[in-house]
Amino acid sequence: MPRPEVLEDIKSAESDADDIVAEAEEDREQRLSEARKRADEIRSEAEEEARELKEQRLEEAREDIEAERDRILEEGEADREQLEALAEENEEDAVAYAVEQFEEAVHAQT
């Protein structure tokens, strides 16, 4: 093979190699771009799931707090009713005792 043909083959091979490298770099950039885009999508999805989970947990906590508040109020109401009933039961005895003490005090002064 004569030298000019060899040089031409070498130049052609180098040109082909440059084209292959350029194509590979272009492919790499495209894949990187797609990977970054997918990573952003995954991150966005994860953030949305985290927000939804946070809201769900907050709602559950609010419901638990509301249920506990209602339970405490019901217990307080039951205790109040019980104390009122006890006070009503003792009202007559208390009035009788007060009248008795008053009468004793009045008799003691006379």
PDB file of N, CA and C in Angstrom:
ATOM      1  N   MET A   1       0.850  -1.161   0.000  1.00  0.00           N
ATOM      2  CA  MET A   1       0.000   0.000   0.000  1.00  0.00           C
ATOM      3  C   MET A   1       0.909   1.241   0.000  1.00  0.00           C
ATOM      4  N   PRO A   2       0.677   2.157  -0.899  1.00  0.00           N
ATOM      5  CA  PRO A   2       1.530   3.338  -0.951  1.00  0.00           C
ATOM      6  C   PRO A   2       1.240   4.265   0.228  1.00  0.00           C
ATOM      7  N   ARG A   3       2.225   5.066   0.511  1.00  0.00           N
ATOM      8  CA  ARG A   3       2.158   5.973   1.664  1.00  0.00           C
ATOM      9  C   ARG A   3       0.960   6.916   1.625  1.00  0.00           C
ATOM     10  N   PRO A   4       0.624   7.549   0.517  1.00  0.00           N
ATOM     11  CA  PRO A   4      -0.514   8.447   0.531  1.00  0.00           C
ATOM     12  C   PRO A   4      -1.806   7.729   0.904  1.00  0.00           C
ATOM     13  N   GLU A   5      -1.962   6.499   0.461  1.00  0.00           N
ATOM     14  CA  GLU A   5      -3.166   5.745   0.805  1.00  0.00           C
ATOM     15  C   GLU A   5      -3.186   5.395   2.292  1.00  0.00           C
ATOM     16  N   VAL A   6      -2.024   5.065   2.822  1.00  0.00           N
ATOM     17  CA  VAL A   6      -1.927   4.746   4.254  1.00  0.00           C
ATOM     18  C   VAL A   6      -2.288   5.982   5.072  1.00  0.00           C
ATOM     19  N   LEU A   7      -1.739   7.131   4.659  1.00  0.00           N
ATOM     20  CA  LEU A   7      -2.055   8.371   5.372  1.00  0.00           C
ATOM     21  C   LEU A   7      -3.554   8.678   5.272  1.00  0.00           C
ATOM     22  N   GLU A   8      -4.110   8.449   4.091  1.00  0.00           N
ATOM     23  CA  GLU A   8      -5.540   8.686   3.902  1.00  0.00           C
ATOM     24  C   GLU A   8      -6.364   7.741   4.779  1.00  0.00           C
ATOM     25  N   ASP A   9      -5.941   6.476   4.877  1.00  0.00           N
ATOM     26  CA  ASP A   9      -6.633   5.509   5.739  1.00  0.00           C
ATOM     27  C   ASP A   9      -6.538   5.918   7.209  1.00  0.00           C
ATOM     28  N   ILE A  10      -5.363   6.395   7.587  1.00  0.00           N
ATOM     29  CA  ILE A  10      -5.168   6.842   8.981  1.00  0.00           C
ATOM     30  C   ILE A  10      -6.061   8.038   9.262  1.00  0.00           C
ATOM     31  N   LYS A  11      -6.087   9.004   8.353  1.00  0.00           N
ATOM     32  CA  LYS A  11      -6.934  10.191   8.544  1.00  0.00           C
ATOM     33  C   LYS A  11      -8.412   9.797   8.598  1.00  0.00           C
ATOM     34  N   SER A  12      -8.776   8.874   7.736  1.00  0.00           N
ATOM     35  CA  SER A  12     -10.158   8.405   7.725  1.00  0.00           C
ATOM     36  C   SER A  12     -10.500   7.704   9.038  1.00  0.00           C
ATOM     37  N   ALA A  13      -9.569   6.880   9.527  1.00  0.00           N
ATOM     38  CA  ALA A  13      -9.783   6.176  10.797  1.00  0.00           C
ATOM     39  C   ALA A  13      -9.862   7.166  11.951  1.00  0.00           C
ATOM     40  N   GLU A  14      -8.998   8.190  11.930  1.00  0.00           N
ATOM     41  CA  GLU A  14      -9.035   9.221  12.981  1.00  0.00           C
ATOM     42  C   GLU A  14     -10.349   9.992  12.932  1.00  0.00           C
ATOM     43  N   SER A  15     -10.792  10.288  11.700  1.00  0.00           N
ATOM     44  CA  SER A  15     -12.061  10.994  11.556  1.00  0.00           C
ATOM     45  C   SER A  15     -13.212  10.136  12.077  1.00  0.00           C
ATOM     46  N   ASP A  16     -13.176   8.848  11.717  1.00  0.00           N
ATOM     47  CA  ASP A  16     -14.203   7.925  12.216  1.00  0.00           C
ATOM     48  C   ASP A  16     -14.146   7.849  13.742  1.00  0.00           C
ATOM     49  N   ALA A  17     -12.939   7.782  14.286  1.00  0.00           N
ATOM     50  CA  ALA A  17     -12.770   7.720  15.744  1.00  0.00           C
ATOM     51  C   ALA A  17     -13.305   8.990  16.386  1.00  0.00           C
ATOM     52  N   ASP A  18     -13.005  10.154  15.794  1.00  0.00           N
ATOM     53  CA  ASP A  18     -13.523  11.423  16.324  1.00  0.00           C
ATOM     54  C   ASP A  18     -15.052  11.444  16.298  1.00  0.00           C
ATOM     55  N   ASP A  19     -15.617  10.939  15.202  1.00  0.00           N
ATOM     56  CA  ASP A  19     -17.080  10.883  15.099  1.00  0.00           C
ATOM     57  C   ASP A  19     -17.667   9.962  16.170  1.00  0.00           C
ATOM     58  N   ILE A  20     -17.009   8.824  16.366  1.00  0.00           N
ATOM     59  CA  ILE A  20     -17.479   7.863  17.378  1.00  0.00           C
ATOM     60  C   ILE A  20     -17.384   8.484  18.767  1.00  0.00           C
ATOM     61  N   VAL A  21     -16.270   9.178  19.049  1.00  0.00           N
ATOM     62  CA  VAL A  21     -16.092   9.836  20.358  1.00  0.00           C
ATOM     63  C   VAL A  21     -17.134  10.926  20.539  1.00  0.00           C
ATOM     64  N   ALA A  22     -17.351  11.736  19.507  1.00  0.00           N
ATOM     65  CA  ALA A  22     -18.344  12.813  19.592  1.00  0.00           C
ATOM     66  C   ALA A  22     -19.732  12.237  19.817  1.00  0.00           C
ATOM     67  N   GLU A  23     -20.053  11.176  19.098  1.00  0.00           N
ATOM     68  CA  GLU A  23     -21.357  10.528  19.267  1.00  0.00           C
ATOM     69  C   GLU A  23     -21.499   9.946  20.674  1.00  0.00           C
ATOM     70  N   ALA A  24     -20.416   9.352  21.167  1.00  0.00           N
ATOM     71  CA  ALA A  24     -20.439   8.782  22.518  1.00  0.00           C
ATOM     72  C   ALA A  24     -20.621   9.887  23.561  1.00  0.00           C
ATOM     73  N   GLU A  25     -19.945  11.015  23.376  1.00  0.00           N
ATOM     74  CA  GLU A  25     -20.092  12.141  24.308  1.00  0.00           C
ATOM     75  C   GLU A  25     -21.504  12.695  24.263  1.00  0.00           C
ATOM     76  N   GLU A  26     -22.049  12.793  23.057  1.00  0.00           N
ATOM     77  CA  GLU A  26     -23.422  13.268  22.906  1.00  0.00           C
ATOM     78  C   GLU A  26     -24.392  12.319  23.607  1.00  0.00           C
ATOM     79  N   ASP A  27     -24.181  11.025  23.424  1.00  0.00           N
ATOM     80  CA  ASP A  27     -25.010  10.012  24.065  1.00  0.00           C
ATOM     81  C   ASP A  27     -24.874  10.093  25.584  1.00  0.00           C
ATOM     82  N   ARG A  28     -23.627  10.284  26.029  1.00  0.00           N
ATOM     83  CA  ARG A  28     -23.383  10.408  27.483  1.00  0.00           C
ATOM     84  C   ARG A  28     -24.122  11.611  28.048  1.00  0.00           C
ATOM     85  N   GLU A  29     -24.037  12.757  27.370  1.00  0.00           N
ATOM     86  CA  GLU A  29     -24.716  13.969  27.832  1.00  0.00           C
ATOM     87  C   GLU A  29     -26.228  13.774  27.865  1.00  0.00           C
ATOM     88  N   GLN A  30     -26.745  13.105  26.856  1.00  0.00           N
ATOM     89  CA  GLN A  30     -28.184  12.855  26.811  1.00  0.00           C
ATOM     90  C   GLN A  30     -28.604  11.941  27.963  1.00  0.00           C
ATOM     91  N   ARG A  31     -27.808  10.896  28.189  1.00  0.00           N
ATOM     92  CA  ARG A  31     -28.128   9.983  29.296  1.00  0.00           C
ATOM     93  C   ARG A  31     -28.022  10.685  30.647  1.00  0.00           C
ATOM     94  N   LEU A  32     -26.989  11.523  30.799  1.00  0.00           N
ATOM     95  CA  LEU A  32     -26.856  12.288  32.046  1.00  0.00           C
ATOM     96  C   LEU A  32     -28.051  13.214  32.238  1.00  0.00           C
ATOM     97  N   SER A  33     -28.461  13.860  31.170  1.00  0.00           N
ATOM     98  CA  SER A  33     -29.610  14.756  31.244  1.00  0.00           C
ATOM     99  C   SER A  33     -30.869  13.996  31.644  1.00  0.00           C
ATOM    100  N   GLU A  34     -31.072  12.842  31.011  1.00  0.00           N
ATOM    101  CA  GLU A  34     -32.231  12.015  31.347  1.00  0.00           C
ATOM    102  C   GLU A  34     -32.156  11.511  32.785  1.00  0.00           C
ATOM    103  N   ALA A  35     -30.951  11.150  33.230  1.00  0.00           N
ATOM    104  CA  ALA A  35     -30.784  10.664  34.606  1.00  0.00           C
ATOM    105  C   ALA A  35     -31.067  11.782  35.608  1.00  0.00           C
ATOM    106  N   ARG A  36     -30.593  12.991  35.286  1.00  0.00           N
ATOM    107  CA  ARG A  36     -30.863  14.130  36.183  1.00  0.00           C
ATOM    108  C   ARG A  36     -32.362  14.431  36.234  1.00  0.00           C
ATOM    109  N   LYS A  37     -32.998  14.379  35.060  1.00  0.00           N
ATOM    110  CA  LYS A  37     -34.439  14.626  35.004  1.00  0.00           C
ATOM    111  C   LYS A  37     -35.185  13.582  35.824  1.00  0.00           C
ATOM    112  N   ARG A  38     -34.819  12.325  35.665  1.00  0.00           N
ATOM    113  CA  ARG A  38     -35.477  11.251  36.429  1.00  0.00           C
ATOM    114  C   ARG A  38     -35.221  11.413  37.922  1.00  0.00           C
ATOM    115  N   ALA A  39     -33.976  11.801  38.278  1.00  0.00           N
ATOM    116  CA  ALA A  39     -33.656  12.027  39.703  1.00  0.00           C
ATOM    117  C   ALA A  39     -34.518  13.155  40.270  1.00  0.00           C
ATOM    118  N   ASP A  40     -34.720  14.217  39.477  1.00  0.00           N
ATOM    119  CA  ASP A  40     -35.592  15.313  39.930  1.00  0.00           C
ATOM    120  C   ASP A  40     -37.023  14.833  40.107  1.00  0.00           C
ATOM    121  N   GLU A  41     -37.488  13.991  39.173  1.00  0.00           N
ATOM    122  CA  GLU A  41     -38.838  13.443  39.288  1.00  0.00           C
ATOM    123  C   GLU A  41     -38.974  12.586  40.545  1.00  0.00           C
ATOM    124  N   ILE A  42     -37.974  11.753  40.790  1.00  0.00           N
ATOM    125  CA  ILE A  42     -38.000  10.883  41.985  1.00  0.00           C
ATOM    126  C   ILE A  42     -37.995  11.733  43.243  1.00  0.00           C
ATOM    127  N   ARG A  43     -37.152  12.775  43.241  1.00  0.00           N
ATOM    128  CA  ARG A  43     -37.080  13.662  44.407  1.00  0.00           C
ATOM    129  C   ARG A  43     -38.419  14.353  44.634  1.00  0.00           C
ATOM    130  N   SER A  44     -39.032  14.833  43.561  1.00  0.00           N
ATOM    131  CA  SER A  44     -40.341  15.494  43.678  1.00  0.00           C
ATOM    132  C   SER A  44     -41.399  14.530  44.209  1.00  0.00           C
ATOM    133  N   GLU A  45     -41.394  13.313  43.682  1.00  0.00           N
ATOM    134  CA  GLU A  45     -42.354  12.307  44.152  1.00  0.00           C
ATOM    135  C   GLU A  45     -42.135  12.000  45.632  1.00  0.00           C
ATOM    136  N   ALA A  46     -40.871  11.876  46.029  1.00  0.00           N
ATOM    137  CA  ALA A  46     -40.565  11.583  47.428  1.00  0.00           C
ATOM    138  C   ALA A  46     -40.999  12.739  48.327  1.00  0.00           C
ATOM    139  N   GLU A  47     -40.773  13.964  47.879  1.00  0.00           N
ATOM    140  CA  GLU A  47     -41.192  15.129  48.664  1.00  0.00           C
ATOM    141  C   GLU A  47     -42.709  15.169  48.798  1.00  0.00           C
ATOM    142  N   GLU A  48     -43.415  14.871  47.733  1.00  0.00           N
ATOM    143  CA  GLU A  48     -44.883  14.856  47.784  1.00  0.00           C
ATOM    144  C   GLU A  48     -45.378  13.764  48.730  1.00  0.00           C
ATOM    145  N   GLU A  49     -44.774  12.589  48.640  1.00  0.00           N
ATOM    146  CA  GLU A  49     -45.155  11.500  49.550  1.00  0.00           C
ATOM    147  C   GLU A  49     -44.883  11.892  50.997  1.00  0.00           C
ATOM    148  N   ALA A  50     -43.755  12.557  51.229  1.00  0.00           N
ATOM    149  CA  ALA A  50     -43.419  12.999  52.589  1.00  0.00           C
ATOM    150  C   ALA A  50     -44.444  14.020  53.087  1.00  0.00           C
ATOM    151  N   ARG A  51     -44.842  14.959  52.218  1.00  0.00           N
ATOM    152  CA  ARG A  51     -45.856  15.953  52.609  1.00  0.00           C
ATOM    153  C   ARG A  51     -47.181  15.268  52.945  1.00  0.00           C
ATOM    154  N   GLU A  52     -47.567  14.309  52.099  1.00  0.00           N
ATOM    155  CA  GLU A  52     -48.825  13.599  52.350  1.00  0.00           C
ATOM    156  C   GLU A  52     -48.764  12.807  53.649  1.00  0.00           C
ATOM    157  N   LEU A  53     -47.643  12.156  53.897  1.00  0.00           N
ATOM    158  CA  LEU A  53     -47.485  11.384  55.132  1.00  0.00           C
ATOM    159  C   LEU A  53     -47.516  12.313  56.336  1.00  0.00           C
ATOM    160  N   LYS A  54     -46.863  13.454  56.222  1.00  0.00           N
ATOM    161  CA  LYS A  54     -46.868  14.434  57.310  1.00  0.00           C
ATOM    162  C   LYS A  54     -48.292  14.892  57.608  1.00  0.00           C
ATOM    163  N   GLU A  55     -49.042  15.233  56.565  1.00  0.00           N
ATOM    164  CA  GLU A  55     -50.426  15.668  56.746  1.00  0.00           C
ATOM    165  C   GLU A  55     -51.281  14.555  57.366  1.00  0.00           C
ATOM    166  N   GLN A  56     -51.060  13.339  56.906  1.00  0.00           N
ATOM    167  CA  GLN A  56     -51.812  12.208  57.448  1.00  0.00           C
ATOM    168  C   GLN A  56     -51.507  12.031  58.933  1.00  0.00           C
ATOM    169  N   ARG A  57     -50.236  12.095  59.285  1.00  0.00           N
ATOM    170  CA  ARG A  57     -49.859  11.932  60.698  1.00  0.00           C
ATOM    171  C   ARG A  57     -50.378  13.077  61.545  1.00  0.00           C
ATOM    172  N   LEU A  58     -50.348  14.299  61.015  1.00  0.00           N
ATOM    173  CA  LEU A  58     -50.895  15.434  61.750  1.00  0.00           C
ATOM    174  C   LEU A  58     -52.395  15.260  61.979  1.00  0.00           C
ATOM    175  N   GLU A  59     -53.089  14.808  60.957  1.00  0.00           N
ATOM    176  CA  GLU A  59     -54.535  14.590  61.088  1.00  0.00           C
ATOM    177  C   GLU A  59     -54.820  13.508  62.126  1.00  0.00           C
ATOM    178  N   GLU A  60     -54.043  12.426  62.091  1.00  0.00           N
ATOM    179  CA  GLU A  60     -54.224  11.364  63.086  1.00  0.00           C
ATOM    180  C   GLU A  60     -53.950  11.887  64.487  1.00  0.00           C
ATOM    181  N   ALA A  61     -52.914  12.699  64.631  1.00  0.00           N
ATOM    182  CA  ALA A  61     -52.595  13.268  65.942  1.00  0.00           C
ATOM    183  C   ALA A  61     -53.722  14.184  66.413  1.00  0.00           C
ATOM    184  N   ARG A  62     -54.257  14.999  65.484  1.00  0.00           N
ATOM    185  CA  ARG A  62     -55.377  15.881  65.855  1.00  0.00           C
ATOM    186  C   ARG A  62     -56.586  15.067  66.316  1.00  0.00           C
ATOM    187  N   GLU A  63     -56.856  13.977  65.596  1.00  0.00           N
ATOM    188  CA  GLU A  63     -57.985  13.125  65.971  1.00  0.00           C
ATOM    189  C   GLU A  63     -57.751  12.482  67.335  1.00  0.00           C
ATOM    190  N   ASP A  64     -56.528  12.030  67.587  1.00  0.00           N
ATOM    191  CA  ASP A  64     -56.204  11.437  68.890  1.00  0.00           C
ATOM    192  C   ASP A  64     -56.357  12.467  70.005  1.00  0.00           C
ATOM    193  N   ILE A  65     -55.882  13.671  69.758  1.00  0.00           N
ATOM    194  CA  ILE A  65     -55.978  14.743  70.758  1.00  0.00           C
ATOM    195  C   ILE A  65     -57.438  15.087  71.014  1.00  0.00           C
ATOM    196  N   GLU A  66     -58.215  15.172  69.952  1.00  0.00           N
ATOM    197  CA  GLU A  66     -59.641  15.481  70.098  1.00  0.00           C
ATOM    198  C   GLU A  66     -60.359  14.386  70.889  1.00  0.00           C
ATOM    199  N   ALA A  67     -60.028  13.130  70.601  1.00  0.00           N
ATOM    200  CA  ALA A  67     -60.647  12.016  71.329  1.00  0.00           C
ATOM    201  C   ALA A  67     -60.251  12.067  72.805  1.00  0.00           C
ATOM    202  N   GLU A  68     -58.991  12.351  73.079  1.00  0.00           N
ATOM    203  CA  GLU A  68     -58.534  12.441  74.475  1.00  0.00           C
ATOM    204  C   GLU A  68     -59.215  13.614  75.184  1.00  0.00           C
ATOM    205  N   ARG A  69     -59.348  14.737  74.477  1.00  0.00           N
ATOM    206  CA  ARG A  69     -60.024  15.915  75.046  1.00  0.00           C
ATOM    207  C   ARG A  69     -61.474  15.570  75.394  1.00  0.00           C
ATOM    208  N   ASP A  70     -62.156  14.893  74.458  1.00  0.00           N
ATOM    209  CA  ASP A  70     -63.546  14.510  74.708  1.00  0.00           C
ATOM    210  C   ASP A  70     -63.651  13.565  75.900  1.00  0.00           C
ATOM    211  N   ARG A  71     -62.715  12.616  75.983  1.00  0.00           N
ATOM    212  CA  ARG A  71     -62.724  11.671  77.102  1.00  0.00           C
ATOM    213  C   ARG A  71     -62.532  12.409  78.433  1.00  0.00           C
ATOM    214  N   ILE A  72     -61.599  13.349  78.463  1.00  0.00           N
ATOM    215  CA  ILE A  72     -61.340  14.107  79.689  1.00  0.00           C
ATOM    216  C   ILE A  72     -62.561  14.943  80.066  1.00  0.00           C
ATOM    217  N   LEU A  73     -63.191  15.578  79.070  1.00  0.00           N
ATOM    218  CA  LEU A  73     -64.392  16.375  79.344  1.00  0.00           C
ATOM    219  C   LEU A  73     -65.525  15.499  79.866  1.00  0.00           C
ATOM    220  N   GLU A  74     -65.688  14.317  79.287  1.00  0.00           N
ATOM    221  CA  GLU A  74     -66.727  13.400  79.764  1.00  0.00           C
ATOM    222  C   GLU A  74     -66.457  12.971  81.200  1.00  0.00           C
ATOM    223  N   GLU A  75     -65.197  12.659  81.508  1.00  0.00           N
ATOM    224  CA  GLU A  75     -64.851  12.284  82.881  1.00  0.00           C
ATOM    225  C   GLU A  75     -65.120  13.439  83.834  1.00  0.00           C
ATOM    226  N   GLY A  76     -64.752  14.655  83.406  1.00  0.00           N
ATOM    227  CA  GLY A  76     -64.991  15.839  84.237  1.00  0.00           C
ATOM    228  C   GLY A  76     -66.479  16.064  84.466  1.00  0.00           C
ATOM    229  N   GLU A  77     -67.263  15.879  83.429  1.00  0.00           N
ATOM    230  CA  GLU A  77     -68.710  16.033  83.555  1.00  0.00           C
ATOM    231  C   GLU A  77     -69.280  14.988  84.511  1.00  0.00           C
ATOM    232  N   ALA A  78     -68.812  13.753  84.394  1.00  0.00           N
ATOM    233  CA  ALA A  78     -69.282  12.681  85.285  1.00  0.00           C
ATOM    234  C   ALA A  78     -68.888  12.989  86.727  1.00  0.00           C
ATOM    235  N   ASP A  79     -67.650  13.461  86.932  1.00  0.00           N
ATOM    236  CA  ASP A  79     -67.206  13.825  88.284  1.00  0.00           C
ATOM    237  C   ASP A  79     -68.045  14.971  88.845  1.00  0.00           C
ATOM    238  N   ARG A  80     -68.337  15.973  87.991  1.00  0.00           N
ATOM    239  CA  ARG A  80     -69.144  17.112  88.439  1.00  0.00           C
ATOM    240  C   ARG A  80     -70.539  16.651  88.844  1.00  0.00           C
ATOM    241  N   GLU A  81     -71.147  15.792  88.024  1.00  0.00           N
ATOM    242  CA  GLU A  81     -72.487  15.292  88.340  1.00  0.00           C
ATOM    243  C   GLU A  81     -72.472  14.495  89.636  1.00  0.00           C
ATOM    244  N   GLN A  82     -71.435  13.712  89.839  1.00  0.00           N
ATOM    245  CA  GLN A  82     -71.321  12.919  91.057  1.00  0.00           C
ATOM    246  C   GLN A  82     -71.180  13.828  92.285  1.00  0.00           C
ATOM    247  N   LEU A  83     -70.364  14.875  92.148  1.00  0.00           N
ATOM    248  CA  LEU A  83     -70.192  15.816  93.260  1.00  0.00           C
ATOM    249  C   LEU A  83     -71.482  16.583  93.539  1.00  0.00           C
ATOM    250  N   GLU A  84     -72.205  16.959  92.499  1.00  0.00           N
ATOM    251  CA  GLU A  84     -73.488  17.637  92.694  1.00  0.00           C
ATOM    252  C   GLU A  84     -74.475  16.733  93.426  1.00  0.00           C
ATOM    253  N   ALA A  85     -74.512  15.473  93.034  1.00  0.00           N
ATOM    254  CA  ALA A  85     -75.424  14.524  93.682  1.00  0.00           C
ATOM    255  C   ALA A  85     -75.042  14.359  95.140  1.00  0.00           C
ATOM    256  N   LEU A  86     -73.760  14.243  95.411  1.00  0.00           N
ATOM    257  CA  LEU A  86     -73.296  14.104  96.791  1.00  0.00           C
ATOM    258  C   LEU A  86     -73.631  15.359  97.601  1.00  0.00           C
ATOM    259  N   ALA A  87     -73.448  16.518  96.979  1.00  0.00           N
ATOM    260  CA  ALA A  87     -73.766  17.777  97.671  1.00  0.00           C
ATOM    261  C   ALA A  87     -75.258  17.865  97.966  1.00  0.00           C
ATOM    262  N   GLU A  88     -76.082  17.431  97.017  1.00  0.00           N
ATOM    263  CA  GLU A  88     -77.525  17.458  97.249  1.00  0.00           C
ATOM    264  C   GLU A  88     -77.917  16.508  98.372  1.00  0.00           C
ATOM    265  N   GLU A  89     -77.245  15.350  98.430  1.00  0.00           N
ATOM    266  CA  GLU A  89     -77.526  14.397  99.506  1.00  0.00           C
ATOM    267  C   GLU A  89     -77.181  14.989 100.863  1.00  0.00           C
ATOM    268  N   ASN A  90     -76.110  15.745 100.912  1.00  0.00           N
ATOM    269  CA  ASN A  90     -75.641  16.308 102.188  1.00  0.00           C
ATOM    270  C   ASN A  90     -76.272  17.657 102.508  1.00  0.00           C
ATOM    271  N   GLU A  91     -77.029  18.209 101.577  1.00  0.00           N
ATOM    272  CA  GLU A  91     -77.591  19.542 101.772  1.00  0.00           C
ATOM    273  C   GLU A  91     -78.518  19.591 102.995  1.00  0.00           C
ATOM    274  N   GLU A  92     -79.419  18.627 103.105  1.00  0.00           N
ATOM    275  CA  GLU A  92     -80.342  18.616 104.244  1.00  0.00           C
ATOM    276  C   GLU A  92     -79.597  18.488 105.560  1.00  0.00           C
ATOM    277  N   ASP A  93     -78.625  17.583 105.605  1.00  0.00           N
ATOM    278  CA  ASP A  93     -77.834  17.413 106.834  1.00  0.00           C
ATOM    279  C   ASP A  93     -77.078  18.688 107.169  1.00  0.00           C
ATOM    280  N   ALA A  94     -76.534  19.358 106.158  1.00  0.00           N
ATOM    281  CA  ALA A  94     -75.779  20.592 106.389  1.00  0.00           C
ATOM    282  C   ALA A  94     -76.695  21.698 106.904  1.00  0.00           C
ATOM    283  N   VAL A  95     -77.884  21.811 106.310  1.00  0.00           N
ATOM    284  CA  VAL A  95     -78.844  22.831 106.763  1.00  0.00           C
ATOM    285  C   VAL A  95     -79.292  22.527 108.188  1.00  0.00           C
ATOM    286  N   ALA A  96     -79.581  21.271 108.458  1.00  0.00           N
ATOM    287  CA  ALA A  96     -80.016  20.886 109.807  1.00  0.00           C
ATOM    288  C   ALA A  96     -78.912  21.179 110.817  1.00  0.00           C
ATOM    289  N   TYR A  97     -77.686  20.877 110.467  1.00  0.00           N
ATOM    290  CA  TYR A  97     -76.552  21.127 111.363  1.00  0.00           C
ATOM    291  C   TYR A  97     -76.400  22.627 111.604  1.00  0.00           C
ATOM    292  N   ALA A  98     -76.533  23.426 110.567  1.00  0.00           N
ATOM    293  CA  ALA A  98     -76.383  24.877 110.707  1.00  0.00           C
ATOM    294  C   ALA A  98     -77.486  25.437 111.595  1.00  0.00           C
ATOM    295  N   VAL A  99     -78.714  24.954 111.398  1.00  0.00           N
ATOM    296  CA  VAL A  99     -79.833  25.418 112.221  1.00  0.00           C
ATOM    297  C   VAL A  99     -79.602  25.014 113.671  1.00  0.00           C
ATOM    298  N   GLU A 100     -79.154  23.806 113.872  1.00  0.00           N
ATOM    299  CA  GLU A 100     -78.877  23.316 115.229  1.00  0.00           C
ATOM    300  C   GLU A 100     -77.808  24.165 115.905  1.00  0.00           C
ATOM    301  N   GLN A 101     -76.761  24.478 115.210  1.00  0.00           N
ATOM    302  CA  GLN A 101     -75.687  25.297 115.773  1.00  0.00           C
ATOM    303  C   GLN A 101     -76.195  26.707 116.081  1.00  0.00           C
ATOM    304  N   PHE A 102     -77.038  27.238 115.187  1.00  0.00           N
ATOM    305  CA  PHE A 102     -77.585  28.564 115.397  1.00  0.00           C
ATOM    306  C   PHE A 102     -78.483  28.580 116.635  1.00  0.00           C
ATOM    307  N   GLU A 103     -79.345  27.555 116.754  1.00  0.00           N
ATOM    308  CA  GLU A 103     -80.247  27.472 117.901  1.00  0.00           C
ATOM    309  C   GLU A 103     -79.471  27.347 119.201  1.00  0.00           C
ATOM    310  N   GLU A 104     -78.414  26.543 119.171  1.00  0.00           N
ATOM    311  CA  GLU A 104     -77.571  26.376 120.381  1.00  0.00           C
ATOM    312  C   GLU A 104     -76.927  27.707 120.754  1.00  0.00           C
ATOM    313  N   ALA A 105     -76.486  28.437 119.747  1.00  0.00           N
ATOM    314  CA  ALA A 105     -75.849  29.734 120.013  1.00  0.00           C
ATOM    315  C   ALA A 105     -76.864  30.709 120.574  1.00  0.00           C
ATOM    316  N   VAL A 106     -78.086  30.679 120.055  1.00  0.00           N
ATOM    317  CA  VAL A 106     -79.135  31.594 120.536  1.00  0.00           C
ATOM    318  C   VAL A 106     -79.513  31.219 121.964  1.00  0.00           C
ATOM    319  N   HIS A 107     -79.660  29.944 122.278  1.00  0.00           N
ATOM    320  CA  HIS A 107     -80.006  29.491 123.617  1.00  0.00           C
ATOM    321  C   HIS A 107     -78.898  29.770 124.606  1.00  0.00           C
ATOM    322  N   ALA A 108     -77.688  29.723 124.128  1.00  0.00           N
ATOM    323  CA  ALA A 108     -76.567  29.976 125.020  1.00  0.00           C
ATOM    324  C   ALA A 108     -76.536  31.435 125.436  1.00  0.00           C
ATOM    325  N   GLN A 109     -77.060  32.318 124.627  1.00  0.00           N
ATOM    326  CA  GLN A 109     -77.053  33.727 124.944  1.00  0.00           C
ATOM    327  C   GLN A 109     -78.225  34.127 125.831  1.00  0.00           C
ATOM    328  N   THR A 110     -79.200  33.307 125.919  1.00  0.00           N
ATOM    329  CA  THR A 110     -80.370  33.660 126.724  1.00  0.00           C
ATOM    330  C   THR A 110     -80.330  33.121 128.103  1.00  0.00           C
TER     331      THR A 110
END
